[in-house]
Structures are given as C-alpha cells and as structure tokens.
Amino acid sequence: GALGDGEVEDYEVRIEAVKWAQPPVLNPDSPHPDCYWGWDEQSIYGVKPIVADDWLCTDDRPVTDIHWWGSYDEWRDEVPPTIAPDSFHIGIWTDQPKDEQHPFSHPLTMVWQYVVTRAALGERHAGCDYHPGMMEAPDSCFEYYLSLPEEAWFYQKPGEDKVVYWLSIAAQYPSGMQPANPWGCSVWSSTRTQPWPSSRPNLGAC
C-alpha cells in the first residue's frame, strides 16, 4: 500500500529447514570444556583412509551447501599452517547397513563427488578441539562452508524415504608436499571408508 514517504512491497520468500545437522559438541567433563569434544582424524584423499559421517536423508530436497569442521594435528594458531590443503574432495556414499555379515554399518558406494579449492570455501577459526589421547594442549579447529553451484546439487532418488547416506571429507595437498601438521576431520568418532576390515569397530562419524 501507499505511504507518505514511499510504498510497501510484498515479496514471496521460501524458508526451508536444514536438511541434516550434526554440529560438534562440547563436553562439560573435559579438561578443556570450552573445546569441541573430538580430535582431527587424518583424512587425506588417495593417501590415507578417508573419514566419513552417516546422515539420514528424509526428503527429496537437494543438498545445496555443506558445513564441516577440521583441524591440523598439533596446530594451535588461529590461521592454518603454511602447508595446508589446496582443495577438498567431498563424496556422498550409499550405506551398508549392519547385518549378520557386517557387524557395523559403513559407506558402500560413492554416488556423488565434488572437488573444491580451499580458496573457494568459507573458512574461519572456530575454537579448539580436544580428546583424551591427544597431546596435552587442544588443537585449533576451523569451520568450512561450501555453497554448491546448482548443477552440482545432490538429489535423493525420488520416492525414497529415510535413506542413510555417508558424507566423506578428504584434504588434497599439492603434489609432493608433506604437511608437518596434517589436516583431519574434527571428529568425536571416526569411520574409515575403504578398505573396511570387518573386525574394525564403527566408531561413528566426523
């Protein structure tokens, strides 16, 4: 409607809930309760077993952006080390459920992948992470944010409901570089994607 100094315009806006969220957590019983309860499980594409997290897809809306947390082994600055990943490989996998032959669920087949340069990501210092078994001091933790171009959105198969997928995040370094502080997914538990020894317990997710 009309106003004395202008007009009011109405716009239709679509607001959608997050498709899946599993942010890192704090542990009040930790020696460092202000740090996320976890550690950086090394996840380097093509070099070491990569780290993945299972998530439940409950509707057919596409995955359009991805957030994750990571840290560098024994690194405590608020900026990443000089030798850091130049890109990340991101994969979405189908699920092998727990059954008589598989005592623990785990990633099965990669059905989607995307490589993004670290320079194209949102990256910010997000505090610290700590878990028993690490060095005495916590590591610095960084949050990453990827907004996917529309042509790269991941769609759940139509008609499927409550499907479990796995999301893997793995650092990629320039050829020949050996990082003194390898990047790892900030985890409170970890799962290897492949190979998957049946005797290894499925500790959970990154």
N, C-alpha and C. Protein backbone atom coordinates (compact mmCIF):
# COMPACT_ATOMS: atom_id res chain seq x y z
N GLY A 1 0.82 -1.19 0.00
CA GLY A 1 0.00 0.00 0.00
C GLY A 1 0.86 1.24 0.00
N ALA A 2 0.20 2.40 -0.15
CA ALA A 2 0.91 3.67 -0.25
C ALA A 2 1.32 4.17 1.12
N LEU A 3 2.47 4.85 1.20
CA LEU A 3 2.95 5.51 2.40
C LEU A 3 3.32 6.94 2.05
N GLY A 4 3.39 7.80 3.06
CA GLY A 4 3.72 9.18 2.80
C GLY A 4 5.12 9.37 2.21
N ASP A 5 6.04 8.48 2.59
CA ASP A 5 7.41 8.62 2.08
C ASP A 5 7.82 7.46 1.19
N GLY A 6 6.86 6.77 0.62
CA GLY A 6 7.21 5.66 -0.26
C GLY A 6 6.08 4.67 -0.35
N GLU A 7 6.41 3.39 -0.51
CA GLU A 7 5.38 2.37 -0.62
C GLU A 7 5.89 1.08 0.03
N VAL A 8 4.95 0.21 0.34
CA VAL A 8 5.26 -1.10 0.90
C VAL A 8 5.17 -2.13 -0.22
N GLU A 9 6.18 -2.96 -0.33
CA GLU A 9 6.17 -4.02 -1.35
C GLU A 9 6.23 -5.38 -0.65
N ASP A 10 5.45 -6.32 -1.14
CA ASP A 10 5.43 -7.67 -0.59
C ASP A 10 6.16 -8.61 -1.52
N TYR A 11 6.99 -9.45 -0.95
CA TYR A 11 7.71 -10.45 -1.73
C TYR A 11 7.48 -11.82 -1.12
N GLU A 12 7.32 -12.80 -1.98
CA GLU A 12 7.18 -14.18 -1.52
C GLU A 12 8.55 -14.76 -1.25
N VAL A 13 8.76 -15.28 -0.05
CA VAL A 13 10.04 -15.85 0.35
C VAL A 13 9.82 -17.27 0.81
N ARG A 14 10.66 -18.18 0.33
CA ARG A 14 10.56 -19.58 0.74
C ARG A 14 11.64 -19.86 1.78
N ILE A 15 11.23 -20.32 2.96
CA ILE A 15 12.15 -20.62 4.04
C ILE A 15 12.13 -22.12 4.28
N GLU A 16 13.31 -22.75 4.21
CA GLU A 16 13.37 -24.19 4.37
C GLU A 16 14.27 -24.56 5.54
N ALA A 17 13.96 -25.65 6.19
CA ALA A 17 14.78 -26.14 7.30
C ALA A 17 16.04 -26.79 6.76
N VAL A 18 17.04 -26.87 7.61
CA VAL A 18 18.26 -27.56 7.25
C VAL A 18 17.95 -29.03 7.00
N LYS A 19 18.54 -29.59 5.99
CA LYS A 19 18.25 -30.98 5.63
C LYS A 19 18.80 -31.95 6.67
N TRP A 20 20.00 -31.70 7.17
CA TRP A 20 20.58 -32.54 8.22
C TRP A 20 21.62 -31.71 8.95
N ALA A 21 21.63 -31.80 10.27
CA ALA A 21 22.60 -31.05 11.07
C ALA A 21 23.15 -31.94 12.17
N GLN A 22 24.45 -31.96 12.30
CA GLN A 22 25.11 -32.71 13.36
C GLN A 22 26.38 -31.95 13.75
N PRO A 23 26.23 -30.80 14.37
CA PRO A 23 27.39 -29.96 14.69
C PRO A 23 28.23 -30.59 15.79
N PRO A 24 29.49 -30.17 15.92
CA PRO A 24 30.33 -30.67 17.01
C PRO A 24 29.76 -30.26 18.36
N VAL A 25 30.15 -31.01 19.39
CA VAL A 25 29.58 -30.78 20.72
C VAL A 25 30.68 -30.50 21.73
N LEU A 26 30.28 -29.92 22.86
CA LEU A 26 31.17 -29.69 23.99
C LEU A 26 30.96 -30.78 25.03
N ASN A 27 31.97 -30.99 25.84
CA ASN A 27 31.86 -31.96 26.93
C ASN A 27 32.20 -31.25 28.23
N PRO A 28 31.22 -31.03 29.12
CA PRO A 28 31.50 -30.29 30.35
C PRO A 28 32.48 -31.01 31.27
N ASP A 29 32.68 -32.31 31.07
CA ASP A 29 33.61 -33.06 31.89
C ASP A 29 35.01 -33.10 31.32
N SER A 30 35.21 -32.48 30.17
CA SER A 30 36.53 -32.47 29.53
C SER A 30 37.49 -31.58 30.31
N PRO A 31 38.80 -31.87 30.29
CA PRO A 31 39.77 -30.94 30.88
C PRO A 31 39.77 -29.57 30.19
N HIS A 32 39.21 -29.54 28.95
CA HIS A 32 39.08 -28.29 28.19
C HIS A 32 37.62 -28.16 27.75
N PRO A 33 36.71 -27.82 28.68
CA PRO A 33 35.28 -27.84 28.37
C PRO A 33 34.85 -26.80 27.34
N ASP A 34 35.71 -25.83 27.05
CA ASP A 34 35.37 -24.83 26.04
C ASP A 34 35.75 -25.29 24.64
N CYS A 35 36.36 -26.47 24.52
CA CYS A 35 36.76 -27.02 23.22
C CYS A 35 35.78 -28.09 22.78
N TYR A 36 35.63 -28.22 21.46
CA TYR A 36 34.80 -29.30 20.94
C TYR A 36 35.39 -30.64 21.38
N TRP A 37 34.50 -31.59 21.64
CA TRP A 37 34.92 -32.90 22.12
C TRP A 37 35.25 -33.76 20.89
N GLY A 38 36.52 -33.78 20.51
CA GLY A 38 36.91 -34.53 19.33
C GLY A 38 38.39 -34.36 19.04
N TRP A 39 38.82 -34.96 17.95
CA TRP A 39 40.21 -34.85 17.53
C TRP A 39 40.23 -34.83 16.02
N ASP A 40 41.39 -34.53 15.45
CA ASP A 40 41.49 -34.45 14.00
C ASP A 40 41.99 -35.79 13.44
N GLU A 41 41.06 -36.59 12.99
CA GLU A 41 41.37 -37.87 12.35
C GLU A 41 41.83 -37.57 10.93
N GLN A 42 43.10 -37.90 10.61
CA GLN A 42 43.64 -37.56 9.30
C GLN A 42 42.76 -38.12 8.20
N SER A 43 42.49 -37.28 7.21
CA SER A 43 41.65 -37.66 6.08
C SER A 43 42.24 -37.00 4.84
N ILE A 44 43.14 -37.71 4.18
CA ILE A 44 43.86 -37.19 3.02
C ILE A 44 43.53 -38.06 1.82
N TYR A 45 42.95 -37.49 0.80
CA TYR A 45 42.44 -38.25 -0.34
C TYR A 45 43.57 -38.95 -1.08
N GLY A 46 43.43 -40.26 -1.28
CA GLY A 46 44.40 -41.02 -2.04
C GLY A 46 45.63 -41.44 -1.27
N VAL A 47 45.74 -41.01 0.00
CA VAL A 47 46.93 -41.32 0.79
C VAL A 47 46.57 -42.17 1.99
N LYS A 48 45.58 -41.76 2.73
CA LYS A 48 45.17 -42.46 3.93
C LYS A 48 43.68 -42.79 3.84
N PRO A 49 43.20 -43.72 4.64
CA PRO A 49 41.74 -43.92 4.69
C PRO A 49 41.05 -42.60 5.00
N ILE A 50 39.99 -42.32 4.27
CA ILE A 50 39.31 -41.05 4.47
C ILE A 50 38.17 -41.20 5.47
N VAL A 51 37.74 -40.07 6.02
CA VAL A 51 36.77 -40.07 7.11
C VAL A 51 35.39 -39.72 6.56
N ALA A 52 34.37 -40.39 7.07
CA ALA A 52 33.00 -40.17 6.61
C ALA A 52 32.03 -40.17 7.78
N ASP A 53 30.87 -39.57 7.55
CA ASP A 53 29.82 -39.46 8.57
C ASP A 53 28.50 -39.90 7.96
N ASP A 54 27.76 -40.71 8.68
CA ASP A 54 26.45 -41.12 8.16
C ASP A 54 25.40 -40.08 8.51
N TRP A 55 24.42 -39.92 7.63
CA TRP A 55 23.34 -38.95 7.84
C TRP A 55 22.07 -39.48 7.20
N LEU A 56 20.95 -39.06 7.75
CA LEU A 56 19.64 -39.56 7.32
C LEU A 56 18.97 -38.55 6.40
N CYS A 57 18.70 -38.98 5.18
CA CYS A 57 18.02 -38.14 4.20
C CYS A 57 16.54 -38.46 4.25
N THR A 58 15.72 -37.51 4.67
CA THR A 58 14.30 -37.78 4.91
C THR A 58 13.37 -37.15 3.88
N ASP A 59 13.89 -36.38 2.93
CA ASP A 59 13.03 -35.78 1.92
C ASP A 59 13.84 -35.57 0.65
N ASP A 60 13.15 -35.16 -0.43
CA ASP A 60 13.82 -35.08 -1.73
C ASP A 60 14.37 -33.69 -2.05
N ARG A 61 14.45 -32.81 -1.06
CA ARG A 61 15.10 -31.52 -1.32
C ARG A 61 16.59 -31.76 -1.57
N PRO A 62 17.22 -31.00 -2.47
CA PRO A 62 18.63 -31.24 -2.78
C PRO A 62 19.56 -30.74 -1.67
N VAL A 63 20.75 -31.33 -1.64
CA VAL A 63 21.83 -30.80 -0.80
C VAL A 63 22.46 -29.65 -1.58
N THR A 64 22.39 -28.45 -1.04
CA THR A 64 22.88 -27.27 -1.75
C THR A 64 24.10 -26.65 -1.10
N ASP A 65 24.36 -26.95 0.17
CA ASP A 65 25.56 -26.45 0.81
C ASP A 65 25.97 -27.40 1.93
N ILE A 66 27.23 -27.36 2.27
CA ILE A 66 27.80 -28.31 3.23
C ILE A 66 28.71 -27.56 4.19
N HIS A 67 28.57 -27.84 5.48
CA HIS A 67 29.46 -27.29 6.51
C HIS A 67 30.22 -28.45 7.15
N TRP A 68 31.47 -28.24 7.46
CA TRP A 68 32.20 -29.25 8.22
C TRP A 68 33.29 -28.58 9.06
N TRP A 69 33.84 -29.33 9.98
CA TRP A 69 34.85 -28.83 10.90
C TRP A 69 36.11 -29.67 10.76
N GLY A 70 37.27 -29.03 10.84
CA GLY A 70 38.53 -29.76 10.74
C GLY A 70 39.62 -29.04 11.51
N SER A 71 40.71 -29.75 11.73
CA SER A 71 41.85 -29.15 12.43
C SER A 71 43.14 -29.77 11.91
N TYR A 72 44.24 -29.17 12.30
CA TYR A 72 45.56 -29.61 11.87
C TYR A 72 46.28 -30.19 13.08
N ASP A 73 46.85 -31.37 12.92
CA ASP A 73 47.47 -32.08 14.01
C ASP A 73 48.51 -31.22 14.73
N GLU A 74 48.28 -31.01 16.04
CA GLU A 74 49.19 -30.25 16.91
C GLU A 74 49.39 -28.81 16.42
N TRP A 75 48.36 -28.23 15.83
CA TRP A 75 48.41 -26.83 15.35
C TRP A 75 47.47 -26.00 16.21
N ARG A 76 47.99 -24.87 16.75
CA ARG A 76 47.21 -24.12 17.73
C ARG A 76 47.06 -22.64 17.38
N ASP A 77 47.46 -22.24 16.18
CA ASP A 77 47.24 -20.87 15.72
C ASP A 77 45.81 -20.69 15.24
N GLU A 78 45.40 -19.42 15.11
CA GLU A 78 44.06 -19.12 14.62
C GLU A 78 44.01 -19.03 13.10
N VAL A 79 45.15 -19.19 12.44
CA VAL A 79 45.22 -19.27 10.98
C VAL A 79 45.85 -20.61 10.62
N PRO A 80 45.50 -21.20 9.48
CA PRO A 80 46.05 -22.51 9.11
C PRO A 80 47.57 -22.43 8.89
N PRO A 81 48.25 -23.59 8.96
CA PRO A 81 49.68 -23.61 8.71
C PRO A 81 50.00 -23.27 7.25
N THR A 82 51.27 -22.99 6.98
CA THR A 82 51.68 -22.62 5.62
C THR A 82 51.39 -23.73 4.64
N ILE A 83 51.72 -24.97 5.02
CA ILE A 83 51.41 -26.11 4.16
C ILE A 83 50.04 -26.64 4.57
N ALA A 84 49.06 -26.29 3.79
CA ALA A 84 47.66 -26.64 4.07
C ALA A 84 47.04 -27.20 2.78
N PRO A 85 45.91 -27.86 2.87
CA PRO A 85 45.28 -28.40 1.64
C PRO A 85 45.00 -27.30 0.63
N ASP A 86 45.21 -27.62 -0.64
CA ASP A 86 44.81 -26.66 -1.67
C ASP A 86 43.38 -26.92 -2.15
N SER A 87 42.83 -28.11 -1.78
CA SER A 87 41.45 -28.42 -2.16
C SER A 87 40.93 -29.54 -1.26
N PHE A 88 39.63 -29.78 -1.37
CA PHE A 88 38.98 -30.87 -0.64
C PHE A 88 38.16 -31.71 -1.60
N HIS A 89 38.23 -33.02 -1.39
CA HIS A 89 37.36 -33.95 -2.12
C HIS A 89 36.19 -34.30 -1.20
N ILE A 90 34.98 -34.14 -1.72
CA ILE A 90 33.77 -34.41 -0.95
C ILE A 90 32.98 -35.50 -1.67
N GLY A 91 32.58 -36.51 -0.95
CA GLY A 91 31.83 -37.61 -1.56
C GLY A 91 30.59 -37.95 -0.77
N ILE A 92 29.57 -38.41 -1.46
CA ILE A 92 28.37 -38.95 -0.83
C ILE A 92 28.27 -40.41 -1.24
N TRP A 93 28.07 -41.27 -0.23
CA TRP A 93 28.10 -42.71 -0.41
C TRP A 93 26.78 -43.33 0.02
N THR A 94 26.45 -44.48 -0.58
CA THR A 94 25.35 -45.28 -0.07
C THR A 94 25.79 -45.98 1.20
N ASP A 95 24.84 -46.58 1.87
CA ASP A 95 25.09 -47.20 3.18
C ASP A 95 25.06 -48.72 3.10
N GLN A 96 26.02 -49.33 3.75
CA GLN A 96 25.95 -50.78 4.01
C GLN A 96 25.44 -50.96 5.43
N PRO A 97 24.18 -51.34 5.59
CA PRO A 97 23.63 -51.46 6.95
C PRO A 97 24.29 -52.60 7.73
N LYS A 98 24.17 -52.50 9.01
CA LYS A 98 24.61 -53.59 9.88
C LYS A 98 23.72 -54.80 9.65
N ASP A 99 24.34 -55.98 9.50
CA ASP A 99 23.59 -57.21 9.36
C ASP A 99 24.45 -58.37 9.84
N GLU A 100 24.04 -59.58 9.53
CA GLU A 100 24.78 -60.74 10.02
C GLU A 100 26.20 -60.80 9.46
N GLN A 101 26.38 -60.33 8.22
CA GLN A 101 27.71 -60.35 7.60
C GLN A 101 28.52 -59.10 7.91
N HIS A 102 27.84 -58.03 8.30
CA HIS A 102 28.51 -56.75 8.55
C HIS A 102 28.14 -56.29 9.96
N PRO A 103 29.05 -56.46 10.92
CA PRO A 103 28.71 -56.12 12.31
C PRO A 103 28.53 -54.62 12.54
N PHE A 104 28.99 -53.81 11.59
CA PHE A 104 28.85 -52.36 11.72
C PHE A 104 28.48 -51.78 10.36
N SER A 105 27.63 -50.76 10.37
CA SER A 105 27.31 -50.08 9.12
C SER A 105 28.52 -49.29 8.65
N HIS A 106 28.59 -49.05 7.32
CA HIS A 106 29.73 -48.31 6.77
C HIS A 106 29.40 -47.87 5.35
N PRO A 107 30.18 -46.93 4.80
CA PRO A 107 29.95 -46.49 3.42
C PRO A 107 30.13 -47.66 2.45
N LEU A 108 29.34 -47.64 1.36
CA LEU A 108 29.39 -48.74 0.40
C LEU A 108 29.86 -48.26 -0.97
N THR A 109 29.06 -47.44 -1.64
CA THR A 109 29.38 -46.99 -3.00
C THR A 109 29.25 -45.48 -3.08
N MET A 110 30.25 -44.82 -3.65
CA MET A 110 30.17 -43.37 -3.81
C MET A 110 29.26 -43.05 -4.99
N VAL A 111 28.24 -42.22 -4.75
CA VAL A 111 27.26 -41.89 -5.78
C VAL A 111 27.33 -40.43 -6.22
N TRP A 112 28.16 -39.65 -5.54
CA TRP A 112 28.30 -38.23 -5.88
C TRP A 112 29.64 -37.76 -5.35
N GLN A 113 30.32 -36.88 -6.10
CA GLN A 113 31.58 -36.33 -5.61
C GLN A 113 31.77 -34.92 -6.14
N TYR A 114 32.55 -34.16 -5.42
CA TYR A 114 32.80 -32.77 -5.79
C TYR A 114 34.15 -32.37 -5.22
N VAL A 115 34.94 -31.67 -6.00
CA VAL A 115 36.23 -31.15 -5.55
C VAL A 115 36.17 -29.64 -5.54
N VAL A 116 36.57 -29.03 -4.43
CA VAL A 116 36.53 -27.58 -4.30
C VAL A 116 37.87 -27.10 -3.78
N THR A 117 38.37 -26.00 -4.34
CA THR A 117 39.61 -25.43 -3.83
C THR A 117 39.36 -24.82 -2.46
N ARG A 118 40.37 -24.85 -1.64
CA ARG A 118 40.22 -24.27 -0.30
C ARG A 118 39.97 -22.77 -0.41
N ALA A 119 40.53 -22.12 -1.42
CA ALA A 119 40.35 -20.68 -1.60
C ALA A 119 38.90 -20.34 -1.90
N ALA A 120 38.14 -21.30 -2.44
CA ALA A 120 36.74 -21.03 -2.79
C ALA A 120 35.79 -21.31 -1.64
N LEU A 121 36.32 -21.79 -0.52
CA LEU A 121 35.49 -22.11 0.64
C LEU A 121 35.40 -20.94 1.61
N GLY A 122 34.35 -20.91 2.39
CA GLY A 122 34.37 -20.11 3.60
C GLY A 122 35.16 -20.88 4.64
N GLU A 123 36.09 -20.22 5.31
CA GLU A 123 36.92 -20.88 6.33
C GLU A 123 37.11 -19.91 7.48
N ARG A 124 36.83 -20.36 8.71
CA ARG A 124 37.02 -19.48 9.85
C ARG A 124 37.51 -20.28 11.05
N HIS A 125 38.28 -19.63 11.89
CA HIS A 125 38.71 -20.25 13.14
C HIS A 125 37.48 -20.41 14.02
N ALA A 126 37.25 -21.63 14.52
CA ALA A 126 36.02 -21.91 15.27
C ALA A 126 36.30 -22.43 16.67
N GLY A 127 37.45 -22.10 17.22
CA GLY A 127 37.74 -22.54 18.57
C GLY A 127 38.79 -23.63 18.60
N CYS A 128 38.53 -24.69 19.36
CA CYS A 128 39.52 -25.74 19.54
C CYS A 128 38.82 -27.08 19.70
N ASP A 129 39.59 -28.15 19.54
CA ASP A 129 39.06 -29.49 19.83
C ASP A 129 40.05 -30.25 20.69
N TYR A 130 39.51 -31.17 21.48
CA TYR A 130 40.33 -31.94 22.41
C TYR A 130 39.67 -33.27 22.69
N HIS A 131 40.52 -34.29 22.88
CA HIS A 131 40.03 -35.61 23.25
C HIS A 131 41.16 -36.36 23.95
N PRO A 132 40.89 -37.16 24.95
CA PRO A 132 41.96 -37.92 25.61
C PRO A 132 42.77 -38.71 24.58
N GLY A 133 44.07 -38.74 24.78
CA GLY A 133 44.95 -39.41 23.84
C GLY A 133 45.68 -38.43 22.94
N MET A 134 45.16 -37.20 22.82
CA MET A 134 45.88 -36.16 22.09
C MET A 134 47.03 -35.66 22.95
N MET A 135 47.82 -34.78 22.37
CA MET A 135 48.81 -34.06 23.17
C MET A 135 48.05 -33.26 24.22
N GLU A 136 48.75 -32.76 25.21
CA GLU A 136 48.07 -32.11 26.34
C GLU A 136 47.26 -30.90 25.91
N ALA A 137 47.78 -30.12 24.98
CA ALA A 137 47.08 -28.91 24.55
C ALA A 137 46.09 -29.22 23.43
N PRO A 138 44.94 -28.55 23.37
CA PRO A 138 43.97 -28.77 22.29
C PRO A 138 44.53 -28.25 20.96
N ASP A 139 43.93 -28.70 19.87
CA ASP A 139 44.24 -28.19 18.54
C ASP A 139 43.25 -27.10 18.16
N SER A 140 43.68 -26.18 17.31
CA SER A 140 42.76 -25.19 16.76
C SER A 140 41.79 -25.87 15.81
N CYS A 141 40.54 -25.43 15.83
CA CYS A 141 39.50 -26.01 14.99
C CYS A 141 38.99 -24.96 14.01
N PHE A 142 38.74 -25.39 12.77
CA PHE A 142 38.27 -24.49 11.73
C PHE A 142 36.95 -25.01 11.15
N GLU A 143 36.05 -24.07 10.89
CA GLU A 143 34.79 -24.41 10.24
C GLU A 143 34.88 -24.05 8.77
N TYR A 144 34.33 -24.93 7.93
CA TYR A 144 34.34 -24.72 6.48
C TYR A 144 32.91 -24.67 5.97
N TYR A 145 32.70 -23.83 4.96
CA TYR A 145 31.37 -23.67 4.38
C TYR A 145 31.47 -23.71 2.87
N LEU A 146 30.72 -24.62 2.25
CA LEU A 146 30.69 -24.75 0.80
C LEU A 146 29.27 -24.53 0.30
N SER A 147 29.11 -23.57 -0.59
CA SER A 147 27.83 -23.36 -1.28
C SER A 147 27.99 -23.94 -2.68
N LEU A 148 27.23 -25.01 -2.98
CA LEU A 148 27.38 -25.70 -4.25
C LEU A 148 26.68 -24.97 -5.38
N PRO A 149 27.28 -24.94 -6.58
CA PRO A 149 26.54 -24.42 -7.74
C PRO A 149 25.37 -25.35 -8.04
N GLU A 150 24.32 -24.79 -8.61
CA GLU A 150 23.09 -25.56 -8.78
C GLU A 150 23.31 -26.84 -9.57
N GLU A 151 24.20 -26.81 -10.55
CA GLU A 151 24.42 -28.00 -11.36
C GLU A 151 25.10 -29.14 -10.58
N ALA A 152 25.62 -28.82 -9.39
CA ALA A 152 26.30 -29.83 -8.57
C ALA A 152 25.46 -30.28 -7.38
N TRP A 153 24.23 -29.79 -7.23
CA TRP A 153 23.40 -30.18 -6.10
C TRP A 153 23.20 -31.70 -6.11
N PHE A 154 23.14 -32.27 -4.91
CA PHE A 154 22.88 -33.71 -4.79
C PHE A 154 21.40 -33.92 -4.49
N TYR A 155 20.76 -34.79 -5.30
CA TYR A 155 19.35 -35.11 -5.12
C TYR A 155 19.19 -36.55 -4.67
N GLN A 156 18.37 -36.73 -3.65
CA GLN A 156 17.97 -38.07 -3.25
C GLN A 156 17.08 -38.66 -4.34
N LYS A 157 17.14 -39.96 -4.53
CA LYS A 157 16.30 -40.60 -5.54
C LYS A 157 14.82 -40.38 -5.21
N PRO A 158 14.01 -40.00 -6.20
CA PRO A 158 12.57 -39.77 -5.95
C PRO A 158 11.91 -41.04 -5.41
N GLY A 159 11.01 -40.83 -4.48
CA GLY A 159 10.24 -41.94 -3.92
C GLY A 159 10.92 -42.64 -2.77
N GLU A 160 12.19 -42.36 -2.53
CA GLU A 160 12.87 -42.98 -1.40
C GLU A 160 12.68 -42.13 -0.16
N ASP A 161 12.44 -42.77 0.95
CA ASP A 161 12.19 -42.05 2.19
C ASP A 161 13.11 -42.59 3.28
N LYS A 162 13.70 -41.68 4.04
CA LYS A 162 14.55 -42.03 5.17
C LYS A 162 15.71 -42.94 4.72
N VAL A 163 16.49 -42.41 3.80
CA VAL A 163 17.64 -43.13 3.27
C VAL A 163 18.91 -42.66 3.99
N VAL A 164 19.75 -43.60 4.41
CA VAL A 164 21.01 -43.27 5.04
C VAL A 164 22.08 -43.13 3.97
N TYR A 165 22.78 -42.01 3.99
CA TYR A 165 23.95 -41.79 3.15
C TYR A 165 25.14 -41.51 4.06
N TRP A 166 26.32 -41.49 3.46
CA TRP A 166 27.54 -41.10 4.16
C TRP A 166 28.19 -39.95 3.41
N LEU A 167 28.71 -38.99 4.17
CA LEU A 167 29.43 -37.85 3.61
C LEU A 167 30.89 -37.98 3.98
N SER A 168 31.77 -38.01 2.98
CA SER A 168 33.21 -38.07 3.25
C SER A 168 33.86 -36.73 2.90
N ILE A 169 34.83 -36.34 3.72
CA ILE A 169 35.60 -35.12 3.50
C ILE A 169 37.07 -35.51 3.54
N ALA A 170 37.83 -35.17 2.49
CA ALA A 170 39.24 -35.53 2.45
C ALA A 170 40.06 -34.38 1.85
N ALA A 171 41.15 -34.05 2.52
CA ALA A 171 42.03 -32.98 2.05
C ALA A 171 42.85 -33.44 0.86
N GLN A 172 43.17 -32.50 -0.02
CA GLN A 172 44.07 -32.76 -1.13
C GLN A 172 45.20 -31.74 -1.06
N TYR A 173 46.45 -32.23 -1.04
CA TYR A 173 47.62 -31.37 -0.98
C TYR A 173 48.29 -31.29 -2.34
N PRO A 174 49.01 -30.19 -2.59
CA PRO A 174 49.80 -30.12 -3.83
C PRO A 174 50.75 -31.31 -3.93
N SER A 175 50.98 -31.77 -5.12
CA SER A 175 51.80 -32.96 -5.34
C SER A 175 53.18 -32.81 -4.70
N GLY A 176 53.58 -33.82 -3.95
CA GLY A 176 54.91 -33.85 -3.36
C GLY A 176 55.03 -33.18 -2.02
N MET A 177 54.00 -32.46 -1.58
CA MET A 177 54.08 -31.76 -0.31
C MET A 177 53.78 -32.71 0.84
N GLN A 178 54.60 -32.66 1.88
CA GLN A 178 54.43 -33.47 3.07
C GLN A 178 54.11 -32.55 4.25
N PRO A 179 52.85 -32.42 4.65
CA PRO A 179 52.49 -31.47 5.71
C PRO A 179 53.03 -31.91 7.06
N ALA A 180 53.59 -30.96 7.79
CA ALA A 180 54.04 -31.24 9.15
C ALA A 180 52.86 -31.36 10.10
N ASN A 181 51.76 -30.69 9.75
CA ASN A 181 50.54 -30.72 10.56
C ASN A 181 49.39 -31.15 9.67
N PRO A 182 49.24 -32.46 9.45
CA PRO A 182 48.22 -32.93 8.50
C PRO A 182 46.81 -32.53 8.92
N TRP A 183 45.98 -32.21 7.91
CA TRP A 183 44.59 -31.86 8.18
C TRP A 183 43.79 -33.11 8.50
N GLY A 184 42.86 -32.95 9.40
CA GLY A 184 41.95 -34.05 9.71
C GLY A 184 40.57 -33.52 10.00
N CYS A 185 39.58 -34.37 9.78
CA CYS A 185 38.22 -34.02 10.13
C CYS A 185 38.12 -33.98 11.65
N SER A 186 37.58 -32.92 12.20
CA SER A 186 37.41 -32.83 13.66
C SER A 186 36.31 -33.78 14.07
N VAL A 187 36.71 -34.86 14.73
CA VAL A 187 35.76 -35.93 14.98
C VAL A 187 35.65 -36.23 16.45
N TRP A 188 34.48 -36.72 16.82
CA TRP A 188 34.32 -37.29 18.15
C TRP A 188 34.21 -38.80 18.00
N SER A 189 34.26 -39.27 16.79
CA SER A 189 34.40 -40.68 16.45
C SER A 189 34.71 -40.72 14.96
N SER A 190 35.18 -41.84 14.46
CA SER A 190 35.60 -41.86 13.07
C SER A 190 35.26 -43.17 12.40
N THR A 191 35.13 -43.09 11.08
CA THR A 191 34.81 -44.27 10.30
C THR A 191 35.68 -44.28 9.06
N ARG A 192 36.36 -45.37 8.80
CA ARG A 192 37.12 -45.50 7.57
C ARG A 192 36.17 -45.89 6.44
N THR A 193 36.43 -45.34 5.24
CA THR A 193 35.53 -45.65 4.14
C THR A 193 35.98 -46.89 3.39
N GLN A 194 37.24 -46.98 3.04
CA GLN A 194 37.70 -48.19 2.39
C GLN A 194 39.22 -48.28 2.52
N PRO A 195 39.81 -49.47 2.64
CA PRO A 195 39.07 -50.72 2.81
C PRO A 195 38.38 -50.77 4.17
N TRP A 196 37.42 -51.66 4.31
CA TRP A 196 36.66 -51.77 5.57
C TRP A 196 36.90 -53.13 6.19
N PRO A 197 37.85 -53.25 7.13
CA PRO A 197 38.05 -54.54 7.79
C PRO A 197 36.86 -54.85 8.68
N SER A 198 36.33 -56.04 8.57
CA SER A 198 35.12 -56.38 9.33
C SER A 198 35.39 -56.39 10.83
N SER A 199 36.67 -56.47 11.21
CA SER A 199 36.98 -56.53 12.63
C SER A 199 37.07 -55.13 13.25
N ARG A 200 37.11 -54.08 12.41
CA ARG A 200 37.26 -52.73 12.95
C ARG A 200 35.91 -52.19 13.39
N PRO A 201 35.80 -51.70 14.62
CA PRO A 201 34.51 -51.17 15.07
C PRO A 201 34.14 -49.88 14.35
N ASN A 202 32.88 -49.72 14.08
CA ASN A 202 32.38 -48.48 13.51
C ASN A 202 32.18 -47.49 14.66
N LEU A 203 33.09 -46.53 14.77
CA LEU A 203 33.04 -45.59 15.89
C LEU A 203 32.09 -44.44 15.63
N GLY A 204 31.67 -44.26 14.39
CA GLY A 204 30.65 -43.25 14.15
C GLY A 204 30.92 -42.31 13.03
N ALA A 205 31.28 -41.05 13.31
CA ALA A 205 31.18 -40.05 12.28
C ALA A 205 32.15 -38.90 12.47
N CYS A 206 32.35 -38.15 11.40
CA CYS A 206 33.19 -36.96 11.51
C CYS A 206 32.33 -35.72 11.67
